[in-house]
Amino acid sequence: MFRRTFWFTSGVAAGVWATTKVNRKLRELTPGSLAASAADKALDAGSRLRDRAVGFALDVRDHMARREAELGDALGLHAPPPDPALAPPRRYAAIENRNDPTYVDKATYSSNRNEDH
């Protein structure tokens, strides 16, 4: 008798458990539930992507500031001012200044002596 009662109770419990599982799955597969879960997943993915982009931007800014400081040190931008008794360092223009009195127009003057005149 106890054996039959045990198996009957086990069958009822398994049936209730299976019915509950199937009903939950059916509710998850309704169109409204699928749309809501898709929207939740899209929001989660968007927030993760935004967090990564913000982290990447902060990393880029940190490395940019560090590299700018390295370049400033290499170029002597952060060096102490030179001794005023010394002559100032020469600076060479990257672009010719036509208003400079020492400017020589290379189109009219050539240092090549073998050129035909």
PDB file of N, CA and C in Angstrom:
ATOM      1  N   MET A   1       0.814  -1.188   0.000  1.00  0.00           N
ATOM      2  CA  MET A   1       0.000   0.000   0.000  1.00  0.00           C
ATOM      3  C   MET A   1       0.859   1.255   0.000  1.00  0.00           C
ATOM      4  N   PHE A   2       1.917   1.254   0.826  1.00  0.00           N
ATOM      5  CA  PHE A   2       2.789   2.430   0.863  1.00  0.00           C
ATOM      6  C   PHE A   2       3.514   2.619  -0.463  1.00  0.00           C
ATOM      7  N   ARG A   3       3.838   1.521  -1.106  1.00  0.00           N
ATOM      8  CA  ARG A   3       4.516   1.591  -2.378  1.00  0.00           C
ATOM      9  C   ARG A   3       3.622   2.270  -3.410  1.00  0.00           C
ATOM     10  N   ARG A   4       2.373   1.931  -3.466  1.00  0.00           N
ATOM     11  CA  ARG A   4       1.445   2.547  -4.413  1.00  0.00           C
ATOM     12  C   ARG A   4       1.254   4.032  -4.100  1.00  0.00           C
ATOM     13  N   THR A   5       1.140   4.364  -2.856  1.00  0.00           N
ATOM     14  CA  THR A   5       0.969   5.766  -2.449  1.00  0.00           C
ATOM     15  C   THR A   5       2.207   6.581  -2.831  1.00  0.00           C
ATOM     16  N   PHE A   6       3.380   5.999  -2.613  1.00  0.00           N
ATOM     17  CA  PHE A   6       4.617   6.696  -2.979  1.00  0.00           C
ATOM     18  C   PHE A   6       4.654   6.990  -4.478  1.00  0.00           C
ATOM     19  N   TRP A   7       4.365   5.983  -5.288  1.00  0.00           N
ATOM     20  CA  TRP A   7       4.434   6.187  -6.733  1.00  0.00           C
ATOM     21  C   TRP A   7       3.325   7.108  -7.219  1.00  0.00           C
ATOM     22  N   PHE A   8       2.165   7.049  -6.626  1.00  0.00           N
ATOM     23  CA  PHE A   8       1.086   7.966  -7.003  1.00  0.00           C
ATOM     24  C   PHE A   8       1.475   9.403  -6.686  1.00  0.00           C
ATOM     25  N   THR A   9       2.029   9.636  -5.503  1.00  0.00           N
ATOM     26  CA  THR A   9       2.456  10.987  -5.105  1.00  0.00           C
ATOM     27  C   THR A   9       3.596  11.467  -5.994  1.00  0.00           C
ATOM     28  N   SER A  10       4.526  10.593  -6.325  1.00  0.00           N
ATOM     29  CA  SER A  10       5.623  10.974  -7.218  1.00  0.00           C
ATOM     30  C   SER A  10       5.094  11.333  -8.595  1.00  0.00           C
ATOM     31  N   GLY A  11       4.157  10.615  -9.114  1.00  0.00           N
ATOM     32  CA  GLY A  11       3.562  10.897 -10.428  1.00  0.00           C
ATOM     33  C   GLY A  11       2.831  12.224 -10.437  1.00  0.00           C
ATOM     34  N   VAL A  12       2.071  12.493  -9.366  1.00  0.00           N
ATOM     35  CA  VAL A  12       1.358  13.767  -9.271  1.00  0.00           C
ATOM     36  C   VAL A  12       2.359  14.919  -9.204  1.00  0.00           C
ATOM     37  N   ALA A  13       3.399  14.780  -8.408  1.00  0.00           N
ATOM     38  CA  ALA A  13       4.405  15.841  -8.290  1.00  0.00           C
ATOM     39  C   ALA A  13       5.106  16.063  -9.624  1.00  0.00           C
ATOM     40  N   ALA A  14       5.437  14.996 -10.327  1.00  0.00           N
ATOM     41  CA  ALA A  14       6.091  15.136 -11.630  1.00  0.00           C
ATOM     42  C   ALA A  14       5.149  15.794 -12.635  1.00  0.00           C
ATOM     43  N   GLY A  15       3.891  15.439 -12.575  1.00  0.00           N
ATOM     44  CA  GLY A  15       2.902  16.046 -13.482  1.00  0.00           C
ATOM     45  C   GLY A  15       2.729  17.530 -13.216  1.00  0.00           C
ATOM     46  N   VAL A  16       2.657  17.924 -11.966  1.00  0.00           N
ATOM     47  CA  VAL A  16       2.528  19.338 -11.603  1.00  0.00           C
ATOM     48  C   VAL A  16       3.775  20.103 -12.036  1.00  0.00           C
ATOM     49  N   TRP A  17       4.936  19.511 -11.782  1.00  0.00           N
ATOM     50  CA  TRP A  17       6.197  20.168 -12.167  1.00  0.00           C
ATOM     51  C   TRP A  17       6.273  20.345 -13.684  1.00  0.00           C
ATOM     52  N   ALA A  18       5.926  19.302 -14.450  1.00  0.00           N
ATOM     53  CA  ALA A  18       5.989  19.372 -15.916  1.00  0.00           C
ATOM     54  C   ALA A  18       4.969  20.367 -16.445  1.00  0.00           C
ATOM     55  N   THR A  19       3.769  20.379 -15.893  1.00  0.00           N
ATOM     56  CA  THR A  19       2.736  21.319 -16.339  1.00  0.00           C
ATOM     57  C   THR A  19       3.175  22.754 -16.076  1.00  0.00           C
ATOM     58  N   THR A  20       3.746  23.002 -14.913  1.00  0.00           N
ATOM     59  CA  THR A  20       4.234  24.350 -14.583  1.00  0.00           C
ATOM     60  C   THR A  20       5.333  24.775 -15.549  1.00  0.00           C
ATOM     61  N   LYS A  21       6.275  23.877 -15.839  1.00  0.00           N
ATOM     62  CA  LYS A  21       7.368  24.188 -16.760  1.00  0.00           C
ATOM     63  C   LYS A  21       6.835  24.506 -18.152  1.00  0.00           C
ATOM     64  N   VAL A  22       5.887  23.708 -18.644  1.00  0.00           N
ATOM     65  CA  VAL A  22       5.333  23.908 -19.995  1.00  0.00           C
ATOM     66  C   VAL A  22       4.576  25.224 -20.054  1.00  0.00           C
ATOM     67  N   ASN A  23       3.800  25.533 -19.039  1.00  0.00           N
ATOM     68  CA  ASN A  23       3.047  26.801 -19.034  1.00  0.00           C
ATOM     69  C   ASN A  23       3.987  28.002 -19.014  1.00  0.00           C
ATOM     70  N   ARG A  24       5.067  27.943 -18.249  1.00  0.00           N
ATOM     71  CA  ARG A  24       6.043  29.049 -18.241  1.00  0.00           C
ATOM     72  C   ARG A  24       6.670  29.230 -19.621  1.00  0.00           C
ATOM     73  N   LYS A  25       7.045  28.108 -20.250  1.00  0.00           N
ATOM     74  CA  LYS A  25       7.650  28.189 -21.580  1.00  0.00           C
ATOM     75  C   LYS A  25       6.664  28.777 -22.590  1.00  0.00           C
ATOM     76  N   LEU A  26       5.394  28.397 -22.491  1.00  0.00           N
ATOM     77  CA  LEU A  26       4.392  28.929 -23.407  1.00  0.00           C
ATOM     78  C   LEU A  26       4.201  30.430 -23.211  1.00  0.00           C
ATOM     79  N   ARG A  27       4.233  30.869 -21.956  1.00  0.00           N
ATOM     80  CA  ARG A  27       4.123  32.307 -21.696  1.00  0.00           C
ATOM     81  C   ARG A  27       5.346  33.063 -22.230  1.00  0.00           C
ATOM     82  N   GLU A  28       6.538  32.446 -22.164  1.00  0.00           N
ATOM     83  CA  GLU A  28       7.748  33.089 -22.677  1.00  0.00           C
ATOM     84  C   GLU A  28       7.724  33.196 -24.193  1.00  0.00           C
ATOM     85  N   LEU A  29       6.991  32.325 -24.860  1.00  0.00           N
ATOM     86  CA  LEU A  29       6.984  32.296 -26.318  1.00  0.00           C
ATOM     87  C   LEU A  29       5.842  33.092 -26.934  1.00  0.00           C
ATOM     88  N   THR A  30       5.079  33.822 -26.149  1.00  0.00           N
ATOM     89  CA  THR A  30       4.034  34.671 -26.732  1.00  0.00           C
ATOM     90  C   THR A  30       4.703  35.863 -27.416  1.00  0.00           C
ATOM     91  N   PRO A  31       4.059  36.456 -28.434  1.00  0.00           N
ATOM     92  CA  PRO A  31       4.676  37.575 -29.158  1.00  0.00           C
ATOM     93  C   PRO A  31       5.032  38.758 -28.258  1.00  0.00           C
ATOM     94  N   GLY A  32       4.172  39.082 -27.314  1.00  0.00           N
ATOM     95  CA  GLY A  32       4.470  40.198 -26.417  1.00  0.00           C
ATOM     96  C   GLY A  32       5.676  39.925 -25.549  1.00  0.00           C
ATOM     97  N   SER A  33       5.764  38.698 -25.050  1.00  0.00           N
ATOM     98  CA  SER A  33       6.897  38.335 -24.204  1.00  0.00           C
ATOM     99  C   SER A  33       8.193  38.302 -25.012  1.00  0.00           C
ATOM    100  N   LEU A  34       8.138  37.806 -26.250  1.00  0.00           N
ATOM    101  CA  LEU A  34       9.327  37.777 -27.098  1.00  0.00           C
ATOM    102  C   LEU A  34       9.801  39.194 -27.417  1.00  0.00           C
ATOM    103  N   ALA A  35       8.848  40.102 -27.692  1.00  0.00           N
ATOM    104  CA  ALA A  35       9.218  41.492 -27.987  1.00  0.00           C
ATOM    105  C   ALA A  35       9.840  42.156 -26.761  1.00  0.00           C
ATOM    106  N   ALA A  36       9.282  41.892 -25.589  1.00  0.00           N
ATOM    107  CA  ALA A  36       9.825  42.487 -24.369  1.00  0.00           C
ATOM    108  C   ALA A  36      11.228  41.963 -24.075  1.00  0.00           C
ATOM    109  N   SER A  37      11.426  40.664 -24.251  1.00  0.00           N
ATOM    110  CA  SER A  37      12.765  40.116 -23.986  1.00  0.00           C
ATOM    111  C   SER A  37      13.768  40.624 -25.023  1.00  0.00           C
ATOM    112  N   ALA A  38      13.345  40.789 -26.273  1.00  0.00           N
ATOM    113  CA  ALA A  38      14.249  41.334 -27.292  1.00  0.00           C
ATOM    114  C   ALA A  38      14.617  42.777 -26.965  1.00  0.00           C
ATOM    115  N   ALA A  39      13.642  43.556 -26.507  1.00  0.00           N
ATOM    116  CA  ALA A  39      13.920  44.943 -26.141  1.00  0.00           C
ATOM    117  C   ALA A  39      14.866  45.008 -24.940  1.00  0.00           C
ATOM    118  N   ASP A  40      14.651  44.137 -23.963  1.00  0.00           N
ATOM    119  CA  ASP A  40      15.549  44.100 -22.799  1.00  0.00           C
ATOM    120  C   ASP A  40      16.979  43.743 -23.212  1.00  0.00           C
ATOM    121  N   LYS A  41      17.108  42.757 -24.096  1.00  0.00           N
ATOM    122  CA  LYS A  41      18.434  42.360 -24.553  1.00  0.00           C
ATOM    123  C   LYS A  41      19.099  43.479 -25.347  1.00  0.00           C
ATOM    124  N   ALA A  42      18.316  44.198 -26.154  1.00  0.00           N
ATOM    125  CA  ALA A  42      18.878  45.309 -26.925  1.00  0.00           C
ATOM    126  C   ALA A  42      19.346  46.426 -25.991  1.00  0.00           C
ATOM    127  N   LEU A  43      18.555  46.718 -24.958  1.00  0.00           N
ATOM    128  CA  LEU A  43      18.963  47.744 -23.992  1.00  0.00           C
ATOM    129  C   LEU A  43      20.225  47.330 -23.238  1.00  0.00           C
ATOM    130  N   ASP A  44      20.296  46.056 -22.859  1.00  0.00           N
ATOM    131  CA  ASP A  44      21.487  45.565 -22.169  1.00  0.00           C
ATOM    132  C   ASP A  44      22.719  45.652 -23.066  1.00  0.00           C
ATOM    133  N   ALA A  45      22.554  45.246 -24.321  1.00  0.00           N
ATOM    134  CA  ALA A  45      23.684  45.304 -25.256  1.00  0.00           C
ATOM    135  C   ALA A  45      24.112  46.751 -25.487  1.00  0.00           C
ATOM    136  N   GLY A  46      23.137  47.661 -25.605  1.00  0.00           N
ATOM    137  CA  GLY A  46      23.465  49.069 -25.793  1.00  0.00           C
ATOM    138  C   GLY A  46      24.200  49.656 -24.605  1.00  0.00           C
ATOM    139  N   SER A  47      23.774  49.299 -23.413  1.00  0.00           N
ATOM    140  CA  SER A  47      24.451  49.835 -22.222  1.00  0.00           C
ATOM    141  C   SER A  47      25.855  49.259 -22.088  1.00  0.00           C
ATOM    142  N   ARG A  48      26.030  47.966 -22.411  1.00  0.00           N
ATOM    143  CA  ARG A  48      27.378  47.381 -22.384  1.00  0.00           C
ATOM    144  C   ARG A  48      28.283  48.044 -23.415  1.00  0.00           C
ATOM    145  N   LEU A  49      27.743  48.281 -24.601  1.00  0.00           N
ATOM    146  CA  LEU A  49      28.525  48.928 -25.655  1.00  0.00           C
ATOM    147  C   LEU A  49      28.898  50.350 -25.259  1.00  0.00           C
ATOM    148  N   ARG A  50      27.947  51.076 -24.662  1.00  0.00           N
ATOM    149  CA  ARG A  50      28.225  52.443 -24.220  1.00  0.00           C
ATOM    150  C   ARG A  50      29.303  52.455 -23.136  1.00  0.00           C
ATOM    151  N   ASP A  51      29.207  51.514 -22.192  1.00  0.00           N
ATOM    152  CA  ASP A  51      30.214  51.436 -21.129  1.00  0.00           C
ATOM    153  C   ASP A  51      31.600  51.150 -21.699  1.00  0.00           C
ATOM    154  N   ARG A  52      31.664  50.258 -22.672  1.00  0.00           N
ATOM    155  CA  ARG A  52      32.953  49.963 -23.296  1.00  0.00           C
ATOM    156  C   ARG A  52      33.476  51.156 -24.075  1.00  0.00           C
ATOM    157  N   ALA A  53      32.575  51.870 -24.773  1.00  0.00           N
ATOM    158  CA  ALA A  53      33.010  53.033 -25.552  1.00  0.00           C
ATOM    159  C   ALA A  53      33.515  54.138 -24.629  1.00  0.00           C
ATOM    160  N   VAL A  54      32.830  54.338 -23.515  1.00  0.00           N
ATOM    161  CA  VAL A  54      33.273  55.354 -22.559  1.00  0.00           C
ATOM    162  C   VAL A  54      34.625  54.959 -21.974  1.00  0.00           C
ATOM    163  N   GLY A  55      34.780  53.691 -21.623  1.00  0.00           N
ATOM    164  CA  GLY A  55      36.062  53.221 -21.106  1.00  0.00           C
ATOM    165  C   GLY A  55      37.176  53.374 -22.131  1.00  0.00           C
ATOM    166  N   PHE A  56      36.861  53.072 -23.397  1.00  0.00           N
ATOM    167  CA  PHE A  56      37.850  53.224 -24.460  1.00  0.00           C
ATOM    168  C   PHE A  56      38.225  54.687 -24.634  1.00  0.00           C
ATOM    169  N   ALA A  57      37.241  55.579 -24.596  1.00  0.00           N
ATOM    170  CA  ALA A  57      37.526  57.007 -24.751  1.00  0.00           C
ATOM    171  C   ALA A  57      38.394  57.517 -23.605  1.00  0.00           C
ATOM    172  N   LEU A  58      38.127  57.060 -22.401  1.00  0.00           N
ATOM    173  CA  LEU A  58      38.952  57.469 -21.264  1.00  0.00           C
ATOM    174  C   LEU A  58      40.377  56.942 -21.390  1.00  0.00           C
ATOM    175  N   ASP A  59      40.512  55.706 -21.863  1.00  0.00           N
ATOM    176  CA  ASP A  59      41.859  55.157 -22.080  1.00  0.00           C
ATOM    177  C   ASP A  59      42.604  55.949 -23.145  1.00  0.00           C
ATOM    178  N   VAL A  60      41.910  56.308 -24.211  1.00  0.00           N
ATOM    179  CA  VAL A  60      42.546  57.083 -25.279  1.00  0.00           C
ATOM    180  C   VAL A  60      42.991  58.439 -24.743  1.00  0.00           C
ATOM    181  N   ARG A  61      42.158  59.085 -23.961  1.00  0.00           N
ATOM    182  CA  ARG A  61      42.527  60.389 -23.396  1.00  0.00           C
ATOM    183  C   ARG A  61      43.734  60.284 -22.475  1.00  0.00           C
ATOM    184  N   ASP A  62      43.767  59.229 -21.651  1.00  0.00           N
ATOM    185  CA  ASP A  62      44.907  59.039 -20.747  1.00  0.00           C
ATOM    186  C   ASP A  62      46.204  58.835 -21.531  1.00  0.00           C
ATOM    187  N   HIS A  63      46.150  57.963 -22.525  1.00  0.00           N
ATOM    188  CA  HIS A  63      47.348  57.703 -23.320  1.00  0.00           C
ATOM    189  C   HIS A  63      47.751  58.928 -24.135  1.00  0.00           C
ATOM    190  N   MET A  64      46.763  59.687 -24.606  1.00  0.00           N
ATOM    191  CA  MET A  64      47.057  60.890 -25.367  1.00  0.00           C
ATOM    192  C   MET A  64      47.760  61.926 -24.482  1.00  0.00           C
ATOM    193  N   ALA A  65      47.279  62.096 -23.272  1.00  0.00           N
ATOM    194  CA  ALA A  65      47.906  63.055 -22.358  1.00  0.00           C
ATOM    195  C   ALA A  65      49.320  62.604 -21.996  1.00  0.00           C
ATOM    196  N   ARG A  66      49.495  61.304 -21.769  1.00  0.00           N
ATOM    197  CA  ARG A  66      50.822  60.788 -21.445  1.00  0.00           C
ATOM    198  C   ARG A  66      51.785  60.994 -22.616  1.00  0.00           C
ATOM    199  N   ARG A  67      51.329  60.699 -23.835  1.00  0.00           N
ATOM    200  CA  ARG A  67      52.181  60.861 -25.014  1.00  0.00           C
ATOM    201  C   ARG A  67      52.491  62.335 -25.265  1.00  0.00           C
ATOM    202  N   GLU A  68      51.516  63.195 -25.033  1.00  0.00           N
ATOM    203  CA  GLU A  68      51.746  64.639 -25.194  1.00  0.00           C
ATOM    204  C   GLU A  68      52.816  65.120 -24.213  1.00  0.00           C
ATOM    205  N   ALA A  69      52.777  64.620 -22.991  1.00  0.00           N
ATOM    206  CA  ALA A  69      53.799  64.991 -22.013  1.00  0.00           C
ATOM    207  C   ALA A  69      55.172  64.464 -22.434  1.00  0.00           C
ATOM    208  N   GLU A  70      55.216  63.231 -22.967  1.00  0.00           N
ATOM    209  CA  GLU A  70      56.490  62.682 -23.449  1.00  0.00           C
ATOM    210  C   GLU A  70      57.056  63.524 -24.584  1.00  0.00           C
ATOM    211  N   LEU A  71      56.189  63.900 -25.520  1.00  0.00           N
ATOM    212  CA  LEU A  71      56.654  64.715 -26.638  1.00  0.00           C
ATOM    213  C   LEU A  71      57.092  66.101 -26.163  1.00  0.00           C
ATOM    214  N   GLY A  72      56.369  66.659 -25.211  1.00  0.00           N
ATOM    215  CA  GLY A  72      56.756  67.957 -24.662  1.00  0.00           C
ATOM    216  C   GLY A  72      58.121  67.897 -23.994  1.00  0.00           C
ATOM    217  N   ASP A  73      58.375  66.816 -23.269  1.00  0.00           N
ATOM    218  CA  ASP A  73      59.693  66.658 -22.641  1.00  0.00           C
ATOM    219  C   ASP A  73      60.777  66.469 -23.695  1.00  0.00           C
ATOM    220  N   ALA A  74      60.461  65.683 -24.740  1.00  0.00           N
ATOM    221  CA  ALA A  74      61.459  65.432 -25.786  1.00  0.00           C
ATOM    222  C   ALA A  74      61.791  66.699 -26.562  1.00  0.00           C
ATOM    223  N   LEU A  75      60.807  67.553 -26.751  1.00  0.00           N
ATOM    224  CA  LEU A  75      61.027  68.792 -27.493  1.00  0.00           C
ATOM    225  C   LEU A  75      61.519  69.928 -26.607  1.00  0.00           C
ATOM    226  N   GLY A  76      61.579  69.716 -25.316  1.00  0.00           N
ATOM    227  CA  GLY A  76      62.066  70.736 -24.401  1.00  0.00           C
ATOM    228  C   GLY A  76      61.044  71.801 -24.083  1.00  0.00           C
ATOM    229  N   LEU A  77      59.782  71.502 -24.248  1.00  0.00           N
ATOM    230  CA  LEU A  77      58.742  72.491 -23.949  1.00  0.00           C
ATOM    231  C   LEU A  77      58.583  72.705 -22.451  1.00  0.00           C
ATOM    232  N   HIS A  78      58.952  71.722 -21.672  1.00  0.00           N
ATOM    233  CA  HIS A  78      58.818  71.821 -20.222  1.00  0.00           C
ATOM    234  C   HIS A  78      60.171  72.072 -19.559  1.00  0.00           C
ATOM    235  N   ALA A  79      61.184  72.356 -20.355  1.00  0.00           N
ATOM    236  CA  ALA A  79      62.528  72.584 -19.818  1.00  0.00           C
ATOM    237  C   ALA A  79      62.597  73.967 -19.176  1.00  0.00           C
ATOM    238  N   PRO A  80      63.509  74.155 -18.227  1.00  0.00           N
ATOM    239  CA  PRO A  80      63.654  75.489 -17.627  1.00  0.00           C
ATOM    240  C   PRO A  80      64.191  76.467 -18.675  1.00  0.00           C
ATOM    241  N   PRO A  81      63.898  77.757 -18.514  1.00  0.00           N
ATOM    242  CA  PRO A  81      64.356  78.733 -19.510  1.00  0.00           C
ATOM    243  C   PRO A  81      65.882  78.776 -19.556  1.00  0.00           C
ATOM    244  N   PRO A  82      66.457  79.030 -20.746  1.00  0.00           N
ATOM    245  CA  PRO A  82      67.920  79.050 -20.862  1.00  0.00           C
ATOM    246  C   PRO A  82      68.506  80.274 -20.161  1.00  0.00           C
ATOM    247  N   ASP A  83      69.804  80.215 -19.947  1.00  0.00           N
ATOM    248  CA  ASP A  83      70.531  81.305 -19.307  1.00  0.00           C
ATOM    249  C   ASP A  83      70.474  82.533 -20.213  1.00  0.00           C
ATOM    250  N   PRO A  84      70.035  83.700 -19.721  1.00  0.00           N
ATOM    251  CA  PRO A  84      69.915  84.877 -20.588  1.00  0.00           C
ATOM    252  C   PRO A  84      71.267  85.367 -21.113  1.00  0.00           C
ATOM    253  N   ALA A  85      72.347  84.964 -20.491  1.00  0.00           N
ATOM    254  CA  ALA A  85      73.657  85.397 -20.974  1.00  0.00           C
ATOM    255  C   ALA A  85      74.031  84.677 -22.264  1.00  0.00           C
ATOM    256  N   LEU A  86      73.472  83.518 -22.496  1.00  0.00           N
ATOM    257  CA  LEU A  86      73.762  82.773 -23.719  1.00  0.00           C
ATOM    258  C   LEU A  86      72.929  83.308 -24.867  1.00  0.00           C
ATOM    259  N   ALA A  87      73.419  83.119 -26.060  1.00  0.00           N
ATOM    260  CA  ALA A  87      72.670  83.539 -27.245  1.00  0.00           C
ATOM    261  C   ALA A  87      71.434  82.648 -27.399  1.00  0.00           C
ATOM    262  N   PRO A  88      70.346  83.216 -27.886  1.00  0.00           N
ATOM    263  CA  PRO A  88      69.148  82.386 -28.058  1.00  0.00           C
ATOM    264  C   PRO A  88      69.387  81.347 -29.157  1.00  0.00           C
ATOM    265  N   PRO A  89      68.764  80.209 -29.062  1.00  0.00           N
ATOM    266  CA  PRO A  89      68.955  79.189 -30.087  1.00  0.00           C
ATOM    267  C   PRO A  89      68.382  79.653 -31.426  1.00  0.00           C
ATOM    268  N   ARG A  90      69.032  79.202 -32.483  1.00  0.00           N
ATOM    269  CA  ARG A  90      68.556  79.572 -33.821  1.00  0.00           C
ATOM    270  C   ARG A  90      67.322  78.778 -34.153  1.00  0.00           C
ATOM    271  N   ARG A  91      66.437  79.426 -34.854  1.00  0.00           N
ATOM    272  CA  ARG A  91      65.233  78.760 -35.322  1.00  0.00           C
ATOM    273  C   ARG A  91      65.219  78.843 -36.830  1.00  0.00           C
ATOM    274  N   TYR A  92      64.940  77.761 -37.458  1.00  0.00           N
ATOM    275  CA  TYR A  92      64.856  77.721 -38.905  1.00  0.00           C
ATOM    276  C   TYR A  92      63.398  77.622 -39.303  1.00  0.00           C
ATOM    277  N   ALA A  93      63.022  78.446 -40.241  1.00  0.00           N
ATOM    278  CA  ALA A  93      61.636  78.460 -40.685  1.00  0.00           C
ATOM    279  C   ALA A  93      61.380  77.270 -41.597  1.00  0.00           C
ATOM    280  N   ALA A  94      60.243  76.664 -41.414  1.00  0.00           N
ATOM    281  CA  ALA A  94      59.867  75.566 -42.288  1.00  0.00           C
ATOM    282  C   ALA A  94      59.336  76.099 -43.614  1.00  0.00           C
ATOM    283  N   ILE A  95      58.826  77.322 -43.604  1.00  0.00           N
ATOM    284  CA  ILE A  95      58.315  77.978 -44.807  1.00  0.00           C
ATOM    285  C   ILE A  95      59.119  79.257 -44.992  1.00  0.00           C
ATOM    286  N   GLU A  96      59.493  79.532 -46.215  1.00  0.00           N
ATOM    287  CA  GLU A  96      60.297  80.731 -46.475  1.00  0.00           C
ATOM    288  C   GLU A  96      59.474  81.985 -46.227  1.00  0.00           C
ATOM    289  N   ASN A  97      60.104  82.950 -45.608  1.00  0.00           N
ATOM    290  CA  ASN A  97      59.455  84.218 -45.324  1.00  0.00           C
ATOM    291  C   ASN A  97      59.942  85.226 -46.359  1.00  0.00           C
ATOM    292  N   ARG A  98      59.098  85.608 -47.263  1.00  0.00           N
ATOM    293  CA  ARG A  98      59.487  86.526 -48.333  1.00  0.00           C
ATOM    294  C   ARG A  98      59.680  87.955 -47.821  1.00  0.00           C
ATOM    295  N   ASN A  99      59.188  88.257 -46.644  1.00  0.00           N
ATOM    296  CA  ASN A  99      59.362  89.593 -46.070  1.00  0.00           C
ATOM    297  C   ASN A  99      60.686  89.732 -45.327  1.00  0.00           C
ATOM    298  N   ASP A 100      61.397  88.628 -45.148  1.00  0.00           N
ATOM    299  CA  ASP A 100      62.673  88.642 -44.444  1.00  0.00           C
ATOM    300  C   ASP A 100      63.729  89.297 -45.341  1.00  0.00           C
ATOM    301  N   PRO A 101      64.530  90.253 -44.837  1.00  0.00           N
ATOM    302  CA  PRO A 101      65.530  90.918 -45.679  1.00  0.00           C
ATOM    303  C   PRO A 101      66.610  89.966 -46.195  1.00  0.00           C
ATOM    304  N   THR A 102      66.811  88.830 -45.526  1.00  0.00           N
ATOM    305  CA  THR A 102      67.835  87.890 -45.990  1.00  0.00           C
ATOM    306  C   THR A 102      67.281  86.874 -46.977  1.00  0.00           C
ATOM    307  N   TYR A 103      66.017  87.004 -47.349  1.00  0.00           N
ATOM    308  CA  TYR A 103      65.393  86.052 -48.266  1.00  0.00           C
ATOM    309  C   TYR A 103      65.957  86.239 -49.671  1.00  0.00           C
ATOM    310  N   VAL A 104      66.303  85.138 -50.302  1.00  0.00           N
ATOM    311  CA  VAL A 104      66.800  85.165 -51.669  1.00  0.00           C
ATOM    312  C   VAL A 104      65.857  84.321 -52.504  1.00  0.00           C
ATOM    313  N   ASP A 105      65.329  84.929 -53.568  1.00  0.00           N
ATOM    314  CA  ASP A 105      64.415  84.213 -54.447  1.00  0.00           C
ATOM    315  C   ASP A 105      65.228  83.232 -55.276  1.00  0.00           C
ATOM    316  N   LYS A 106      64.995  81.958 -55.076  1.00  0.00           N
ATOM    317  CA  LYS A 106      65.785  80.934 -55.755  1.00  0.00           C
ATOM    318  C   LYS A 106      65.417  80.809 -57.228  1.00  0.00           C
ATOM    319  N   ALA A 107      64.310  81.381 -57.632  1.00  0.00           N
ATOM    320  CA  ALA A 107      63.933  81.322 -59.040  1.00  0.00           C
ATOM    321  C   ALA A 107      64.804  82.258 -59.867  1.00  0.00           C
ATOM    322  N   THR A 108      65.260  83.369 -59.297  1.00  0.00           N
ATOM    323  CA  THR A 108      66.072  84.314 -60.051  1.00  0.00           C
ATOM    324  C   THR A 108      67.549  84.162 -59.775  1.00  0.00           C
ATOM    325  N   TYR A 109      67.908  83.537 -58.695  1.00  0.00           N
ATOM    326  CA  TYR A 109      69.321  83.395 -58.353  1.00  0.00           C
ATOM    327  C   TYR A 109      69.636  81.924 -58.158  1.00  0.00           C
ATOM    328  N   SER A 110      70.691  81.450 -58.769  1.00  0.00           N
ATOM    329  CA  SER A 110      71.086  80.079 -58.614  1.00  0.00           C
ATOM    330  C   SER A 110      72.547  80.030 -58.204  1.00  0.00           C
ATOM    331  N   SER A 111      72.888  79.138 -57.324  1.00  0.00           N
ATOM    332  CA  SER A 111      74.265  79.000 -56.897  1.00  0.00           C
ATOM    333  C   SER A 111      75.027  78.036 -57.788  1.00  0.00           C
ATOM    334  N   ASN A 112      74.345  77.483 -58.775  1.00  0.00           N
ATOM    335  CA  ASN A 112      74.985  76.553 -59.679  1.00  0.00           C
ATOM    336  C   ASN A 112      75.732  77.330 -60.764  1.00  0.00           C
ATOM    337  N   ARG A 113      77.041  77.304 -60.750  1.00  0.00           N
ATOM    338  CA  ARG A 113      77.854  78.076 -61.697  1.00  0.00           C
ATOM    339  C   ARG A 113      77.893  77.432 -63.079  1.00  0.00           C
ATOM    340  N   ASN A 114      77.497  76.167 -63.192  1.00  0.00           N
ATOM    341  CA  ASN A 114      77.534  75.491 -64.482  1.00  0.00           C
ATOM    342  C   ASN A 114      76.262  75.683 -65.288  1.00  0.00           C
ATOM    343  N   GLU A 115      75.364  76.450 -64.749  1.00  0.00           N
ATOM    344  CA  GLU A 115      74.110  76.680 -65.418  1.00  0.00           C
ATOM    345  C   GLU A 115      74.290  77.611 -66.605  1.00  0.00           C
ATOM    346  N   ASP A 116      73.610  77.385 -67.702  1.00  0.00           N
ATOM    347  CA  ASP A 116      73.653  78.318 -68.835  1.00  0.00           C
ATOM    348  C   ASP A 116      72.887  79.569 -68.501  1.00  0.00           C
ATOM    349  N   HIS A 117      73.486  80.731 -68.860  1.00  0.00           N
ATOM    350  CA  HIS A 117      72.817  81.991 -68.554  1.00  0.00           C
ATOM    351  C   HIS A 117      72.371  82.627 -69.826  1.00  0.00           C
TER     352      HIS A 117
END
